[in-house]
Amino acid sequence: MMADSLLQLGVVNVLAQGAFHYVQGLSGLLAIILLVTLYLYIHYGFASMTAQVTALYPSFLTAALTVGINPFVSALSLAYFSNLNAAMTHYGTGSAPVYFGVGYVSQGAWWKVGFLISLVNLALWLGLGLLWWKLLGWW
C-alpha cells in the first residue's frame, strides 16, 4: 500500500528522474556505485524493505540499464542492497521493531551502528564484490 501511495503521489517518479539525471554520462562503474548508494540510503525514508523494493527497484534497474550497465550486475547489485539495508534503522526490517521495542538498543545507537554497517557493506559489495564479479567475467 505504501508503494502504491508513493507511486500515485509522484514520489517514485521524482526519485527515478533524479537517479536518471545523476547517472547520465557516467561510466558504468560510477553509475552503479551511485545508483546503489542512493538506493541504499533512500531506505531511511521507507518503513519496510518490501515497500522500497516495490516502489523503487524497477526504476533504479531501468536507470542502470539505460546507461549500459550489465543487466546481471545491475539486477544483483540492487537485489543485494534491498536486503543489506535491514540493519540501518530500528524499523527497517520485520524483526527490528521487536528488538528496539524491548529496549535492547537505543534509537541513536541503532542509527549510528546501522550507518557504520552500511559503509562496510558499500565497501565490501561495491569494492571487493564488483572486483570479484569482474574476475568472474560478469562485469
N, C-alpha and C. Protein backbone atom coordinates (compact mmCIF):
# COMPACT_ATOMS: atom_id res chain seq x y z
N MET A 1 0.81 -1.19 0.00
CA MET A 1 0.00 0.00 0.00
C MET A 1 0.86 1.26 0.00
N MET A 2 1.96 1.21 0.74
CA MET A 2 2.84 2.38 0.78
C MET A 2 3.45 2.65 -0.59
N ALA A 3 3.89 1.57 -1.26
CA ALA A 3 4.48 1.73 -2.59
C ALA A 3 3.46 2.31 -3.57
N ASP A 4 2.22 1.83 -3.49
CA ASP A 4 1.17 2.35 -4.36
C ASP A 4 0.91 3.84 -4.09
N SER A 5 0.89 4.20 -2.82
CA SER A 5 0.67 5.61 -2.46
C SER A 5 1.80 6.49 -2.96
N LEU A 6 3.03 6.03 -2.80
CA LEU A 6 4.18 6.80 -3.28
C LEU A 6 4.13 6.95 -4.80
N LEU A 7 3.70 5.90 -5.47
CA LEU A 7 3.59 5.95 -6.93
C LEU A 7 2.51 6.96 -7.33
N GLN A 8 1.36 6.90 -6.68
CA GLN A 8 0.26 7.81 -7.01
C GLN A 8 0.60 9.27 -6.70
N LEU A 9 1.37 9.50 -5.66
CA LEU A 9 1.75 10.86 -5.29
C LEU A 9 2.90 11.41 -6.14
N GLY A 10 3.52 10.57 -6.94
CA GLY A 10 4.60 11.01 -7.81
C GLY A 10 5.98 10.96 -7.19
N VAL A 11 6.07 10.44 -5.97
CA VAL A 11 7.37 10.38 -5.28
C VAL A 11 8.33 9.46 -6.03
N VAL A 12 7.83 8.33 -6.50
CA VAL A 12 8.68 7.38 -7.22
C VAL A 12 9.22 8.01 -8.49
N ASN A 13 8.39 8.75 -9.19
CA ASN A 13 8.85 9.40 -10.42
C ASN A 13 9.93 10.44 -10.13
N VAL A 14 9.78 11.19 -9.06
CA VAL A 14 10.79 12.20 -8.70
C VAL A 14 12.12 11.50 -8.39
N LEU A 15 12.07 10.43 -7.60
CA LEU A 15 13.29 9.70 -7.26
C LEU A 15 13.93 9.07 -8.49
N ALA A 16 13.11 8.48 -9.34
CA ALA A 16 13.62 7.84 -10.56
C ALA A 16 14.24 8.86 -11.50
N GLN A 17 13.58 9.98 -11.69
CA GLN A 17 14.13 11.02 -12.56
C GLN A 17 15.43 11.57 -12.01
N GLY A 18 15.50 11.71 -10.69
CA GLY A 18 16.74 12.15 -10.06
C GLY A 18 17.86 11.16 -10.30
N ALA A 19 17.54 9.87 -10.16
CA ALA A 19 18.55 8.84 -10.41
C ALA A 19 19.01 8.88 -11.86
N PHE A 20 18.06 8.99 -12.81
CA PHE A 20 18.43 9.07 -14.22
C PHE A 20 19.33 10.28 -14.48
N HIS A 21 18.97 11.40 -13.88
CA HIS A 21 19.73 12.64 -14.10
C HIS A 21 21.18 12.48 -13.65
N TYR A 22 21.38 11.89 -12.48
CA TYR A 22 22.73 11.80 -11.93
C TYR A 22 23.62 10.78 -12.63
N VAL A 23 23.05 9.78 -13.27
CA VAL A 23 23.90 8.76 -13.89
C VAL A 23 24.14 8.97 -15.38
N GLN A 24 23.41 9.89 -15.97
CA GLN A 24 23.61 10.14 -17.40
C GLN A 24 25.03 10.61 -17.65
N GLY A 25 25.70 9.96 -18.58
CA GLY A 25 27.04 10.34 -18.97
C GLY A 25 28.14 9.75 -18.10
N LEU A 26 27.80 9.04 -17.05
CA LEU A 26 28.82 8.42 -16.21
C LEU A 26 29.24 7.07 -16.78
N SER A 27 30.42 6.63 -16.39
CA SER A 27 30.83 5.28 -16.76
C SER A 27 29.95 4.29 -16.02
N GLY A 28 29.91 3.07 -16.50
CA GLY A 28 29.09 2.04 -15.87
C GLY A 28 29.44 1.82 -14.41
N LEU A 29 30.72 1.81 -14.11
CA LEU A 29 31.17 1.58 -12.74
C LEU A 29 30.70 2.70 -11.81
N LEU A 30 30.91 3.94 -12.20
CA LEU A 30 30.47 5.06 -11.37
C LEU A 30 28.95 5.10 -11.26
N ALA A 31 28.27 4.78 -12.35
CA ALA A 31 26.81 4.81 -12.34
C ALA A 31 26.24 3.78 -11.38
N ILE A 32 26.76 2.55 -11.38
CA ILE A 32 26.21 1.53 -10.47
C ILE A 32 26.53 1.87 -9.03
N ILE A 33 27.71 2.43 -8.78
CA ILE A 33 28.06 2.84 -7.42
C ILE A 33 27.10 3.93 -6.93
N LEU A 34 26.84 4.91 -7.77
CA LEU A 34 25.93 5.99 -7.39
C LEU A 34 24.51 5.48 -7.19
N LEU A 35 24.03 4.67 -8.13
CA LEU A 35 22.66 4.16 -8.03
C LEU A 35 22.46 3.30 -6.78
N VAL A 36 23.40 2.42 -6.52
CA VAL A 36 23.28 1.54 -5.36
C VAL A 36 23.36 2.35 -4.06
N THR A 37 24.24 3.34 -4.03
CA THR A 37 24.36 4.18 -2.84
C THR A 37 23.07 4.96 -2.59
N LEU A 38 22.52 5.56 -3.63
CA LEU A 38 21.23 6.26 -3.49
C LEU A 38 20.14 5.30 -3.04
N TYR A 39 20.09 4.14 -3.67
CA TYR A 39 19.07 3.14 -3.35
C TYR A 39 19.19 2.70 -1.89
N LEU A 40 20.41 2.53 -1.42
CA LEU A 40 20.63 2.11 -0.04
C LEU A 40 20.14 3.17 0.94
N TYR A 41 20.54 4.42 0.76
CA TYR A 41 20.22 5.44 1.75
C TYR A 41 18.80 5.98 1.64
N ILE A 42 18.15 5.76 0.54
CA ILE A 42 16.72 6.10 0.44
C ILE A 42 15.90 5.24 1.39
N HIS A 43 16.48 4.12 1.82
CA HIS A 43 15.77 3.23 2.74
C HIS A 43 15.40 3.92 4.05
N TYR A 44 16.13 4.96 4.43
CA TYR A 44 15.78 5.70 5.64
C TYR A 44 14.35 6.25 5.58
N GLY A 45 13.85 6.47 4.38
CA GLY A 45 12.50 7.01 4.22
C GLY A 45 11.42 5.97 4.06
N PHE A 46 11.75 4.70 4.15
CA PHE A 46 10.76 3.65 3.96
C PHE A 46 10.60 2.85 5.25
N ALA A 47 9.36 2.48 5.53
CA ALA A 47 9.06 1.72 6.74
C ALA A 47 9.32 0.23 6.57
N SER A 48 9.54 -0.21 5.36
CA SER A 48 9.81 -1.64 5.16
C SER A 48 10.65 -1.84 3.90
N MET A 49 11.35 -2.96 3.89
CA MET A 49 12.16 -3.30 2.71
C MET A 49 11.25 -3.61 1.52
N THR A 50 10.13 -4.26 1.78
CA THR A 50 9.21 -4.63 0.70
C THR A 50 8.66 -3.39 0.01
N ALA A 51 8.29 -2.38 0.80
CA ALA A 51 7.77 -1.14 0.20
C ALA A 51 8.82 -0.48 -0.68
N GLN A 52 10.06 -0.47 -0.22
CA GLN A 52 11.12 0.14 -1.02
C GLN A 52 11.35 -0.62 -2.31
N VAL A 53 11.44 -1.92 -2.23
CA VAL A 53 11.68 -2.72 -3.43
C VAL A 53 10.53 -2.54 -4.42
N THR A 54 9.32 -2.60 -3.93
CA THR A 54 8.16 -2.47 -4.81
C THR A 54 8.13 -1.10 -5.48
N ALA A 55 8.47 -0.07 -4.72
CA ALA A 55 8.38 1.29 -5.26
C ALA A 55 9.57 1.67 -6.13
N LEU A 56 10.79 1.24 -5.77
CA LEU A 56 11.98 1.80 -6.41
C LEU A 56 12.81 0.84 -7.26
N TYR A 57 12.77 -0.44 -6.97
CA TYR A 57 13.65 -1.36 -7.68
C TYR A 57 13.48 -1.27 -9.20
N PRO A 58 12.25 -1.30 -9.73
CA PRO A 58 12.12 -1.22 -11.20
C PRO A 58 12.71 0.06 -11.79
N SER A 59 12.52 1.18 -11.12
CA SER A 59 13.04 2.45 -11.65
C SER A 59 14.55 2.51 -11.61
N PHE A 60 15.13 2.05 -10.52
CA PHE A 60 16.59 2.08 -10.41
C PHE A 60 17.23 1.07 -11.36
N LEU A 61 16.59 -0.07 -11.54
CA LEU A 61 17.10 -1.04 -12.51
C LEU A 61 17.03 -0.47 -13.92
N THR A 62 15.96 0.21 -14.24
CA THR A 62 15.84 0.85 -15.56
C THR A 62 16.93 1.90 -15.75
N ALA A 63 17.19 2.69 -14.70
CA ALA A 63 18.25 3.70 -14.79
C ALA A 63 19.60 3.04 -15.06
N ALA A 64 19.88 1.94 -14.37
CA ALA A 64 21.15 1.22 -14.57
C ALA A 64 21.26 0.67 -15.98
N LEU A 65 20.19 0.09 -16.47
CA LEU A 65 20.22 -0.50 -17.81
C LEU A 65 20.31 0.58 -18.89
N THR A 66 19.71 1.73 -18.64
CA THR A 66 19.73 2.82 -19.61
C THR A 66 21.14 3.32 -19.88
N VAL A 67 21.99 3.33 -18.85
CA VAL A 67 23.36 3.81 -19.05
C VAL A 67 24.30 2.68 -19.47
N GLY A 68 23.76 1.49 -19.69
CA GLY A 68 24.56 0.41 -20.26
C GLY A 68 25.25 -0.50 -19.27
N ILE A 69 24.82 -0.48 -18.02
CA ILE A 69 25.41 -1.39 -17.04
C ILE A 69 24.91 -2.81 -17.33
N ASN A 70 25.78 -3.77 -17.19
CA ASN A 70 25.43 -5.17 -17.40
C ASN A 70 24.15 -5.50 -16.63
N PRO A 71 23.15 -6.08 -17.31
CA PRO A 71 21.88 -6.37 -16.64
C PRO A 71 22.01 -7.29 -15.43
N PHE A 72 22.89 -8.28 -15.51
CA PHE A 72 23.10 -9.22 -14.41
C PHE A 72 23.66 -8.48 -13.19
N VAL A 73 24.67 -7.67 -13.42
CA VAL A 73 25.29 -6.90 -12.34
C VAL A 73 24.29 -5.89 -11.77
N SER A 74 23.54 -5.24 -12.62
CA SER A 74 22.54 -4.26 -12.17
C SER A 74 21.49 -4.91 -11.28
N ALA A 75 20.92 -6.00 -11.77
CA ALA A 75 19.85 -6.67 -11.02
C ALA A 75 20.35 -7.21 -9.69
N LEU A 76 21.51 -7.84 -9.70
CA LEU A 76 22.02 -8.42 -8.46
C LEU A 76 22.46 -7.36 -7.46
N SER A 77 23.10 -6.31 -7.93
CA SER A 77 23.53 -5.24 -7.02
C SER A 77 22.35 -4.64 -6.27
N LEU A 78 21.31 -4.30 -7.01
CA LEU A 78 20.14 -3.72 -6.37
C LEU A 78 19.41 -4.74 -5.49
N ALA A 79 19.40 -5.99 -5.90
CA ALA A 79 18.76 -7.03 -5.09
C ALA A 79 19.49 -7.23 -3.78
N TYR A 80 20.81 -7.29 -3.82
CA TYR A 80 21.58 -7.47 -2.59
C TYR A 80 21.35 -6.31 -1.64
N PHE A 81 21.39 -5.09 -2.17
CA PHE A 81 21.22 -3.93 -1.30
C PHE A 81 19.77 -3.73 -0.87
N SER A 82 18.84 -4.46 -1.48
CA SER A 82 17.47 -4.47 -1.00
C SER A 82 17.38 -5.20 0.34
N ASN A 83 18.36 -6.03 0.62
CA ASN A 83 18.40 -6.77 1.89
C ASN A 83 19.43 -6.22 2.86
N LEU A 84 20.52 -5.68 2.33
CA LEU A 84 21.59 -5.19 3.20
C LEU A 84 21.20 -3.93 3.96
N ASN A 85 20.09 -3.33 3.60
CA ASN A 85 19.65 -2.13 4.31
C ASN A 85 18.88 -2.45 5.59
N ALA A 86 18.68 -3.71 5.90
CA ALA A 86 17.86 -4.11 7.03
C ALA A 86 18.39 -3.61 8.37
N ALA A 87 19.69 -3.49 8.52
CA ALA A 87 20.28 -3.12 9.81
C ALA A 87 20.34 -1.62 10.04
N MET A 88 19.96 -0.83 9.07
CA MET A 88 20.19 0.62 9.15
C MET A 88 19.30 1.34 10.16
N THR A 89 18.08 0.89 10.32
CA THR A 89 17.15 1.59 11.21
C THR A 89 16.41 0.61 12.11
N HIS A 90 15.77 1.15 13.12
CA HIS A 90 15.01 0.33 14.06
C HIS A 90 13.65 -0.07 13.49
N TYR A 91 13.34 0.35 12.29
CA TYR A 91 12.09 -0.03 11.64
C TYR A 91 12.33 -0.65 10.27
N GLY A 92 13.59 -0.90 9.91
CA GLY A 92 13.95 -1.27 8.54
C GLY A 92 13.61 -2.68 8.11
N THR A 93 13.34 -3.56 9.04
CA THR A 93 13.00 -4.93 8.70
C THR A 93 12.05 -5.47 9.77
N GLY A 94 11.41 -6.57 9.50
CA GLY A 94 10.36 -7.09 10.38
C GLY A 94 10.75 -7.31 11.83
N SER A 95 11.94 -7.83 12.06
CA SER A 95 12.35 -8.13 13.44
C SER A 95 12.90 -6.92 14.19
N ALA A 96 13.29 -5.89 13.50
CA ALA A 96 13.91 -4.73 14.14
C ALA A 96 13.02 -4.06 15.19
N PRO A 97 11.74 -3.81 14.92
CA PRO A 97 10.92 -3.16 15.95
C PRO A 97 10.80 -3.98 17.23
N VAL A 98 10.89 -5.29 17.12
CA VAL A 98 10.81 -6.13 18.31
C VAL A 98 12.02 -5.88 19.20
N TYR A 99 13.21 -5.92 18.63
CA TYR A 99 14.42 -5.66 19.41
C TYR A 99 14.45 -4.24 19.95
N PHE A 100 14.03 -3.30 19.12
CA PHE A 100 14.02 -1.91 19.55
C PHE A 100 12.98 -1.69 20.65
N GLY A 101 11.80 -2.28 20.46
CA GLY A 101 10.70 -2.07 21.40
C GLY A 101 10.97 -2.56 22.80
N VAL A 102 11.76 -3.61 22.95
CA VAL A 102 12.07 -4.12 24.29
C VAL A 102 13.29 -3.43 24.89
N GLY A 103 13.88 -2.50 24.16
CA GLY A 103 14.93 -1.68 24.73
C GLY A 103 16.34 -2.24 24.66
N TYR A 104 16.57 -3.24 23.81
CA TYR A 104 17.92 -3.78 23.70
C TYR A 104 18.91 -2.75 23.15
N VAL A 105 18.44 -1.91 22.24
CA VAL A 105 19.31 -0.93 21.60
C VAL A 105 18.55 0.39 21.50
N SER A 106 19.20 1.48 21.85
CA SER A 106 18.55 2.79 21.72
C SER A 106 18.48 3.19 20.24
N GLN A 107 17.59 4.12 19.94
CA GLN A 107 17.45 4.56 18.55
C GLN A 107 18.75 5.19 18.05
N GLY A 108 19.37 6.02 18.86
CA GLY A 108 20.62 6.66 18.44
C GLY A 108 21.71 5.66 18.16
N ALA A 109 21.86 4.69 19.05
CA ALA A 109 22.88 3.66 18.85
C ALA A 109 22.58 2.84 17.60
N TRP A 110 21.30 2.52 17.40
CA TRP A 110 20.92 1.73 16.22
C TRP A 110 21.28 2.47 14.95
N TRP A 111 20.97 3.75 14.88
CA TRP A 111 21.24 4.51 13.67
C TRP A 111 22.73 4.69 13.44
N LYS A 112 23.49 4.89 14.50
CA LYS A 112 24.95 5.03 14.35
C LYS A 112 25.57 3.73 13.86
N VAL A 113 25.25 2.65 14.53
CA VAL A 113 25.81 1.34 14.13
C VAL A 113 25.29 0.95 12.75
N GLY A 114 24.02 1.21 12.50
CA GLY A 114 23.45 0.90 11.18
C GLY A 114 24.15 1.65 10.06
N PHE A 115 24.47 2.92 10.31
CA PHE A 115 25.19 3.70 9.30
C PHE A 115 26.59 3.14 9.08
N LEU A 116 27.28 2.79 10.15
CA LEU A 116 28.61 2.19 10.01
C LEU A 116 28.55 0.86 9.25
N ILE A 117 27.55 0.07 9.54
CA ILE A 117 27.37 -1.19 8.82
C ILE A 117 27.10 -0.93 7.34
N SER A 118 26.33 0.12 7.06
CA SER A 118 26.06 0.44 5.65
C SER A 118 27.34 0.82 4.92
N LEU A 119 28.24 1.53 5.58
CA LEU A 119 29.52 1.90 4.96
C LEU A 119 30.37 0.65 4.70
N VAL A 120 30.37 -0.27 5.65
CA VAL A 120 31.10 -1.53 5.47
C VAL A 120 30.51 -2.32 4.31
N ASN A 121 29.18 -2.39 4.25
CA ASN A 121 28.52 -3.10 3.15
C ASN A 121 28.86 -2.47 1.79
N LEU A 122 28.84 -1.15 1.73
CA LEU A 122 29.19 -0.48 0.47
C LEU A 122 30.63 -0.81 0.07
N ALA A 123 31.54 -0.74 1.02
CA ALA A 123 32.95 -1.03 0.72
C ALA A 123 33.13 -2.47 0.27
N LEU A 124 32.51 -3.40 0.95
CA LEU A 124 32.67 -4.81 0.60
C LEU A 124 32.00 -5.16 -0.72
N TRP A 125 30.74 -4.78 -0.86
CA TRP A 125 29.97 -5.20 -2.02
C TRP A 125 30.32 -4.42 -3.29
N LEU A 126 30.58 -3.12 -3.15
CA LEU A 126 30.90 -2.32 -4.33
C LEU A 126 32.40 -2.24 -4.57
N GLY A 127 33.18 -2.55 -3.57
CA GLY A 127 34.63 -2.59 -3.73
C GLY A 127 35.07 -3.99 -4.12
N LEU A 128 35.15 -4.83 -3.14
CA LEU A 128 35.59 -6.21 -3.39
C LEU A 128 34.60 -7.00 -4.25
N GLY A 129 33.31 -6.77 -4.03
CA GLY A 129 32.29 -7.51 -4.77
C GLY A 129 32.35 -7.26 -6.28
N LEU A 130 32.41 -6.00 -6.66
CA LEU A 130 32.48 -5.69 -8.10
C LEU A 130 33.79 -6.17 -8.71
N LEU A 131 34.87 -6.09 -7.93
CA LEU A 131 36.15 -6.61 -8.41
C LEU A 131 36.06 -8.12 -8.62
N TRP A 132 35.46 -8.82 -7.68
CA TRP A 132 35.28 -10.27 -7.81
C TRP A 132 34.42 -10.60 -9.02
N TRP A 133 33.34 -9.86 -9.22
CA TRP A 133 32.48 -10.09 -10.39
C TRP A 133 33.23 -9.83 -11.69
N LYS A 134 34.14 -8.86 -11.66
CA LYS A 134 34.97 -8.58 -12.84
C LYS A 134 35.87 -9.78 -13.13
N LEU A 135 36.47 -10.35 -12.09
CA LEU A 135 37.32 -11.52 -12.26
C LEU A 135 36.53 -12.73 -12.76
N LEU A 136 35.28 -12.82 -12.38
CA LEU A 136 34.41 -13.91 -12.85
C LEU A 136 33.91 -13.68 -14.28
N GLY A 137 34.12 -12.48 -14.79
CA GLY A 137 33.66 -12.16 -16.14
C GLY A 137 32.23 -11.67 -16.23
N TRP A 138 31.64 -11.31 -15.10
CA TRP A 138 30.26 -10.84 -15.09
C TRP A 138 30.16 -9.36 -15.44
N TRP A 139 31.25 -8.65 -15.34
CA TRP A 139 31.24 -7.19 -15.48
C TRP A 139 31.96 -6.78 -16.74
